[in-house]
Amino acid sequence: MNNTTDREIKCSKCGKTFTCKPQGGCWCNNYQLSANQLQELKENYADCLCEECLISLAKKIRKTT
């Protein structure tokens, strides 16, 4: 059953549609990002990234820091 607060959004990086569950239980809560990674997201993307893009970005940033 869908919660009324769930959001269907498009990934700000690749355009893939996915579900965001801001009231808890969202898949993104399984990932801990550093302050640098969060800053990169804030500076370059208007909204959430899909799981694949978030993982890819986290790996890329980790290699450059």
PDB file of N, CA and C in Angstrom:
ATOM      1  N   MET A   1       0.839  -1.187   0.000  1.00  0.00           N
ATOM      2  CA  MET A   1       0.000   0.000   0.000  1.00  0.00           C
ATOM      3  C   MET A   1       0.879   1.244   0.000  1.00  0.00           C
ATOM      4  N   ASN A   2       0.564   2.214  -0.842  1.00  0.00           N
ATOM      5  CA  ASN A   2       1.347   3.442  -0.925  1.00  0.00           C
ATOM      6  C   ASN A   2       0.944   4.428   0.150  1.00  0.00           C
ATOM      7  N   ASN A   3       1.908   5.034   0.766  1.00  0.00           N
ATOM      8  CA  ASN A   3       1.690   6.109   1.716  1.00  0.00           C
ATOM      9  C   ASN A   3       1.401   7.375   0.920  1.00  0.00           C
ATOM     10  N   THR A   4       0.522   8.226   1.404  1.00  0.00           N
ATOM     11  CA  THR A   4       0.168   9.444   0.668  1.00  0.00           C
ATOM     12  C   THR A   4       1.329  10.419   0.573  1.00  0.00           C
ATOM     13  N   THR A   5       2.379  10.228   1.369  1.00  0.00           N
ATOM     14  CA  THR A   5       3.528  11.129   1.295  1.00  0.00           C
ATOM     15  C   THR A   5       4.593  10.629   0.329  1.00  0.00           C
ATOM     16  N   ASP A   6       4.432   9.411  -0.207  1.00  0.00           N
ATOM     17  CA  ASP A   6       5.387   8.903  -1.192  1.00  0.00           C
ATOM     18  C   ASP A   6       5.379   9.817  -2.404  1.00  0.00           C
ATOM     19  N   ARG A   7       6.556  10.016  -2.991  1.00  0.00           N
ATOM     20  CA  ARG A   7       6.679  10.865  -4.180  1.00  0.00           C
ATOM     21  C   ARG A   7       7.237  10.054  -5.335  1.00  0.00           C
ATOM     22  N   GLU A   8       6.610  10.166  -6.479  1.00  0.00           N
ATOM     23  CA  GLU A   8       7.171   9.623  -7.713  1.00  0.00           C
ATOM     24  C   GLU A   8       7.976  10.759  -8.323  1.00  0.00           C
ATOM     25  N   ILE A   9       9.276  10.584  -8.427  1.00  0.00           N
ATOM     26  CA  ILE A   9      10.121  11.646  -8.968  1.00  0.00           C
ATOM     27  C   ILE A   9      11.063  11.088 -10.024  1.00  0.00           C
ATOM     28  N   LYS A  10      11.608  11.998 -10.813  1.00  0.00           N
ATOM     29  CA  LYS A  10      12.610  11.629 -11.810  1.00  0.00           C
ATOM     30  C   LYS A  10      13.982  11.954 -11.250  1.00  0.00           C
ATOM     31  N   CYS A  11      14.892  11.049 -11.443  1.00  0.00           N
ATOM     32  CA  CYS A  11      16.271  11.239 -11.007  1.00  0.00           C
ATOM     33  C   CYS A  11      16.828  12.507 -11.653  1.00  0.00           C
ATOM     34  N   SER A  12      17.436  13.355 -10.851  1.00  0.00           N
ATOM     35  CA  SER A  12      18.010  14.607 -11.354  1.00  0.00           C
ATOM     36  C   SER A  12      19.213  14.378 -12.257  1.00  0.00           C
ATOM     37  N   LYS A  13      19.774  13.176 -12.235  1.00  0.00           N
ATOM     38  CA  LYS A  13      20.944  12.883 -13.067  1.00  0.00           C
ATOM     39  C   LYS A  13      20.568  12.151 -14.352  1.00  0.00           C
ATOM     40  N   CYS A  14      19.824  11.039 -14.246  1.00  0.00           N
ATOM     41  CA  CYS A  14      19.550  10.205 -15.432  1.00  0.00           C
ATOM     42  C   CYS A  14      18.120  10.283 -15.944  1.00  0.00           C
ATOM     43  N   GLY A  15      17.200  10.813 -15.136  1.00  0.00           N
ATOM     44  CA  GLY A  15      15.811  10.935 -15.564  1.00  0.00           C
ATOM     45  C   GLY A  15      14.932   9.735 -15.262  1.00  0.00           C
ATOM     46  N   LYS A  16      15.496   8.688 -14.666  1.00  0.00           N
ATOM     47  CA  LYS A  16      14.718   7.497 -14.315  1.00  0.00           C
ATOM     48  C   LYS A  16      13.693   7.849 -13.240  1.00  0.00           C
ATOM     49  N   THR A  17      12.468   7.330 -13.370  1.00  0.00           N
ATOM     50  CA  THR A  17      11.425   7.556 -12.374  1.00  0.00           C
ATOM     51  C   THR A  17      11.568   6.538 -11.247  1.00  0.00           C
ATOM     52  N   PHE A  18      11.425   7.014 -10.007  1.00  0.00           N
ATOM     53  CA  PHE A  18      11.495   6.123  -8.850  1.00  0.00           C
ATOM     54  C   PHE A  18      10.661   6.705  -7.723  1.00  0.00           C
ATOM     55  N   THR A  19      10.432   5.908  -6.691  1.00  0.00           N
ATOM     56  CA  THR A  19       9.616   6.334  -5.558  1.00  0.00           C
ATOM     57  C   THR A  19      10.500   6.802  -4.413  1.00  0.00           C
ATOM     58  N   CYS A  20      10.180   7.972  -3.889  1.00  0.00           N
ATOM     59  CA  CYS A  20      10.838   8.534  -2.711  1.00  0.00           C
ATOM     60  C   CYS A  20       9.844   8.429  -1.559  1.00  0.00           C
ATOM     61  N   LYS A  21      10.311   7.957  -0.413  1.00  0.00           N
ATOM     62  CA  LYS A  21       9.448   7.803   0.765  1.00  0.00           C
ATOM     63  C   LYS A  21      10.003   8.661   1.899  1.00  0.00           C
ATOM     64  N   PRO A  22       9.762   9.969   1.852  1.00  0.00           N
ATOM     65  CA  PRO A  22      10.375  10.874   2.826  1.00  0.00           C
ATOM     66  C   PRO A  22       9.931  10.665   4.274  1.00  0.00           C
ATOM     67  N   GLN A  23       8.828   9.972   4.501  1.00  0.00           N
ATOM     68  CA  GLN A  23       8.361   9.766   5.874  1.00  0.00           C
ATOM     69  C   GLN A  23       9.006   8.553   6.540  1.00  0.00           C
ATOM     70  N   GLY A  24       9.971   7.955   5.878  1.00  0.00           N
ATOM     71  CA  GLY A  24      10.673   6.818   6.462  1.00  0.00           C
ATOM     72  C   GLY A  24      10.560   5.583   5.600  1.00  0.00           C
ATOM     73  N   GLY A  25      11.532   4.732   5.718  1.00  0.00           N
ATOM     74  CA  GLY A  25      11.540   3.503   4.955  1.00  0.00           C
ATOM     75  C   GLY A  25      12.069   3.655   3.544  1.00  0.00           C
ATOM     76  N   CYS A  26      12.572   4.824   3.197  1.00  0.00           N
ATOM     77  CA  CYS A  26      13.107   5.037   1.860  1.00  0.00           C
ATOM     78  C   CYS A  26      14.449   4.318   1.726  1.00  0.00           C
ATOM     79  N   TRP A  27      14.705   3.779   0.557  1.00  0.00           N
ATOM     80  CA  TRP A  27      15.954   3.061   0.300  1.00  0.00           C
ATOM     81  C   TRP A  27      17.176   3.934   0.560  1.00  0.00           C
ATOM     82  N   CYS A  28      17.067   5.257   0.363  1.00  0.00           N
ATOM     83  CA  CYS A  28      18.240   6.128   0.524  1.00  0.00           C
ATOM     84  C   CYS A  28      18.716   6.201   1.974  1.00  0.00           C
ATOM     85  N   ASN A  29      17.854   5.835   2.905  1.00  0.00           N
ATOM     86  CA  ASN A  29      18.264   5.815   4.312  1.00  0.00           C
ATOM     87  C   ASN A  29      19.286   4.722   4.599  1.00  0.00           C
ATOM     88  N   ASN A  30      19.484   3.814   3.647  1.00  0.00           N
ATOM     89  CA  ASN A  30      20.479   2.749   3.807  1.00  0.00           C
ATOM     90  C   ASN A  30      21.895   3.226   3.511  1.00  0.00           C
ATOM     91  N   TYR A  31      22.031   4.453   3.025  1.00  0.00           N
ATOM     92  CA  TYR A  31      23.335   4.983   2.627  1.00  0.00           C
ATOM     93  C   TYR A  31      23.719   6.156   3.515  1.00  0.00           C
ATOM     94  N   GLN A  32      24.976   6.165   3.949  1.00  0.00           N
ATOM     95  CA  GLN A  32      25.502   7.291   4.708  1.00  0.00           C
ATOM     96  C   GLN A  32      26.522   7.993   3.830  1.00  0.00           C
ATOM     97  N   LEU A  33      26.267   9.266   3.561  1.00  0.00           N
ATOM     98  CA  LEU A  33      27.159  10.052   2.716  1.00  0.00           C
ATOM     99  C   LEU A  33      27.950  11.026   3.573  1.00  0.00           C
ATOM    100  N   SER A  34      29.147  11.310   3.138  1.00  0.00           N
ATOM    101  CA  SER A  34      29.991  12.270   3.855  1.00  0.00           C
ATOM    102  C   SER A  34      29.489  13.686   3.599  1.00  0.00           C
ATOM    103  N   ALA A  35      30.006  14.626   4.350  1.00  0.00           N
ATOM    104  CA  ALA A  35      29.655  16.036   4.147  1.00  0.00           C
ATOM    105  C   ALA A  35      30.027  16.482   2.733  1.00  0.00           C
ATOM    106  N   ASN A  36      31.173  16.017   2.224  1.00  0.00           N
ATOM    107  CA  ASN A  36      31.591  16.365   0.859  1.00  0.00           C
ATOM    108  C   ASN A  36      30.629  15.811  -0.177  1.00  0.00           C
ATOM    109  N   GLN A  37      30.176  14.581   0.020  1.00  0.00           N
ATOM    110  CA  GLN A  37      29.233  13.972  -0.911  1.00  0.00           C
ATOM    111  C   GLN A  37      27.900  14.712  -0.899  1.00  0.00           C
ATOM    112  N   LEU A  38      27.426  15.064   0.281  1.00  0.00           N
ATOM    113  CA  LEU A  38      26.176  15.814   0.378  1.00  0.00           C
ATOM    114  C   LEU A  38      26.296  17.184  -0.282  1.00  0.00           C
ATOM    115  N   GLN A  39      27.439  17.837  -0.116  1.00  0.00           N
ATOM    116  CA  GLN A  39      27.667  19.138  -0.744  1.00  0.00           C
ATOM    117  C   GLN A  39      27.659  19.009  -2.265  1.00  0.00           C
ATOM    118  N   GLU A  40      28.285  17.969  -2.785  1.00  0.00           N
ATOM    119  CA  GLU A  40      28.296  17.699  -4.230  1.00  0.00           C
ATOM    120  C   GLU A  40      26.868  17.543  -4.757  1.00  0.00           C
ATOM    121  N   LEU A  41      26.053  16.796  -4.040  1.00  0.00           N
ATOM    122  CA  LEU A  41      24.654  16.620  -4.441  1.00  0.00           C
ATOM    123  C   LEU A  41      23.920  17.955  -4.455  1.00  0.00           C
ATOM    124  N   LYS A  42      24.079  18.722  -3.394  1.00  0.00           N
ATOM    125  CA  LYS A  42      23.393  20.007  -3.267  1.00  0.00           C
ATOM    126  C   LYS A  42      23.792  20.974  -4.378  1.00  0.00           C
ATOM    127  N   GLU A  43      25.068  21.000  -4.720  1.00  0.00           N
ATOM    128  CA  GLU A  43      25.568  21.942  -5.723  1.00  0.00           C
ATOM    129  C   GLU A  43      25.193  21.562  -7.154  1.00  0.00           C
ATOM    130  N   ASN A  44      24.982  20.284  -7.415  1.00  0.00           N
ATOM    131  CA  ASN A  44      24.831  19.832  -8.796  1.00  0.00           C
ATOM    132  C   ASN A  44      23.470  19.273  -9.185  1.00  0.00           C
ATOM    133  N   TYR A  45      22.603  19.006  -8.222  1.00  0.00           N
ATOM    134  CA  TYR A  45      21.324  18.371  -8.543  1.00  0.00           C
ATOM    135  C   TYR A  45      20.183  19.064  -7.811  1.00  0.00           C
ATOM    136  N   ALA A  46      19.055  19.217  -8.519  1.00  0.00           N
ATOM    137  CA  ALA A  46      17.905  19.930  -7.968  1.00  0.00           C
ATOM    138  C   ALA A  46      17.063  19.070  -7.027  1.00  0.00           C
ATOM    139  N   ASP A  47      17.154  17.745  -7.161  1.00  0.00           N
ATOM    140  CA  ASP A  47      16.316  16.856  -6.357  1.00  0.00           C
ATOM    141  C   ASP A  47      17.057  15.535  -6.160  1.00  0.00           C
ATOM    142  N   CYS A  48      16.364  14.552  -5.675  1.00  0.00           N
ATOM    143  CA  CYS A  48      16.949  13.239  -5.377  1.00  0.00           C
ATOM    144  C   CYS A  48      17.510  12.554  -6.616  1.00  0.00           C
ATOM    145  N   LEU A  49      18.445  11.638  -6.366  1.00  0.00           N
ATOM    146  CA  LEU A  49      18.970  10.761  -7.404  1.00  0.00           C
ATOM    147  C   LEU A  49      18.416   9.358  -7.180  1.00  0.00           C
ATOM    148  N   CYS A  50      18.293   8.599  -8.269  1.00  0.00           N
ATOM    149  CA  CYS A  50      17.894   7.198  -8.133  1.00  0.00           C
ATOM    150  C   CYS A  50      19.030   6.441  -7.435  1.00  0.00           C
ATOM    151  N   GLU A  51      18.729   5.231  -7.015  1.00  0.00           N
ATOM    152  CA  GLU A  51      19.723   4.465  -6.261  1.00  0.00           C
ATOM    153  C   GLU A  51      20.994   4.215  -7.071  1.00  0.00           C
ATOM    154  N   GLU A  52      20.855   3.876  -8.341  1.00  0.00           N
ATOM    155  CA  GLU A  52      22.026   3.598  -9.172  1.00  0.00           C
ATOM    156  C   GLU A  52      22.926   4.827  -9.292  1.00  0.00           C
ATOM    157  N   CYS A  53      22.326   5.994  -9.522  1.00  0.00           N
ATOM    158  CA  CYS A  53      23.116   7.220  -9.667  1.00  0.00           C
ATOM    159  C   CYS A  53      23.730   7.650  -8.343  1.00  0.00           C
ATOM    160  N   LEU A  54      23.008   7.449  -7.248  1.00  0.00           N
ATOM    161  CA  LEU A  54      23.545   7.798  -5.935  1.00  0.00           C
ATOM    162  C   LEU A  54      24.773   6.943  -5.619  1.00  0.00           C
ATOM    163  N   ILE A  55      24.694   5.662  -5.887  1.00  0.00           N
ATOM    164  CA  ILE A  55      25.832   4.770  -5.658  1.00  0.00           C
ATOM    165  C   ILE A  55      27.007   5.173  -6.538  1.00  0.00           C
ATOM    166  N   SER A  56      26.733   5.430  -7.801  1.00  0.00           N
ATOM    167  CA  SER A  56      27.783   5.824  -8.744  1.00  0.00           C
ATOM    168  C   SER A  56      28.464   7.117  -8.307  1.00  0.00           C
ATOM    169  N   LEU A  57      27.677   8.095  -7.899  1.00  0.00           N
ATOM    170  CA  LEU A  57      28.229   9.371  -7.455  1.00  0.00           C
ATOM    171  C   LEU A  57      29.062   9.190  -6.191  1.00  0.00           C
ATOM    172  N   ALA A  58      28.572   8.402  -5.254  1.00  0.00           N
ATOM    173  CA  ALA A  58      29.306   8.172  -4.007  1.00  0.00           C
ATOM    174  C   ALA A  58      30.655   7.518  -4.284  1.00  0.00           C
ATOM    175  N   LYS A  59      30.697   6.570  -5.208  1.00  0.00           N
ATOM    176  CA  LYS A  59      31.961   5.914  -5.561  1.00  0.00           C
ATOM    177  C   LYS A  59      32.903   6.889  -6.241  1.00  0.00           C
ATOM    178  N   LYS A  60      32.382   7.727  -7.136  1.00  0.00           N
ATOM    179  CA  LYS A  60      33.208   8.700  -7.852  1.00  0.00           C
ATOM    180  C   LYS A  60      33.820   9.704  -6.882  1.00  0.00           C
ATOM    181  N   ILE A  61      33.035  10.224  -5.986  1.00  0.00           N
ATOM    182  CA  ILE A  61      33.522  11.217  -5.026  1.00  0.00           C
ATOM    183  C   ILE A  61      34.544  10.585  -4.092  1.00  0.00           C
ATOM    184  N   ARG A  62      34.307   9.354  -3.675  1.00  0.00           N
ATOM    185  CA  ARG A  62      35.230   8.657  -2.776  1.00  0.00           C
ATOM    186  C   ARG A  62      36.608   8.523  -3.419  1.00  0.00           C
ATOM    187  N   LYS A  63      36.651   8.277  -4.728  1.00  0.00           N
ATOM    188  CA  LYS A  63      37.919   8.121  -5.433  1.00  0.00           C
ATOM    189  C   LYS A  63      38.681   9.433  -5.556  1.00  0.00           C
ATOM    190  N   THR A  64      37.974  10.565  -5.557  1.00  0.00           N
ATOM    191  CA  THR A  64      38.629  11.859  -5.752  1.00  0.00           C
ATOM    192  C   THR A  64      38.962  12.555  -4.445  1.00  0.00           C
ATOM    193  N   THR A  65      38.547  11.999  -3.307  1.00  0.00           N
ATOM    194  CA  THR A  65      38.841  12.642  -2.018  1.00  0.00           C
ATOM    195  C   THR A  65      39.918  11.917  -1.275  1.00  0.00           C
TER     196      THR A  65
END
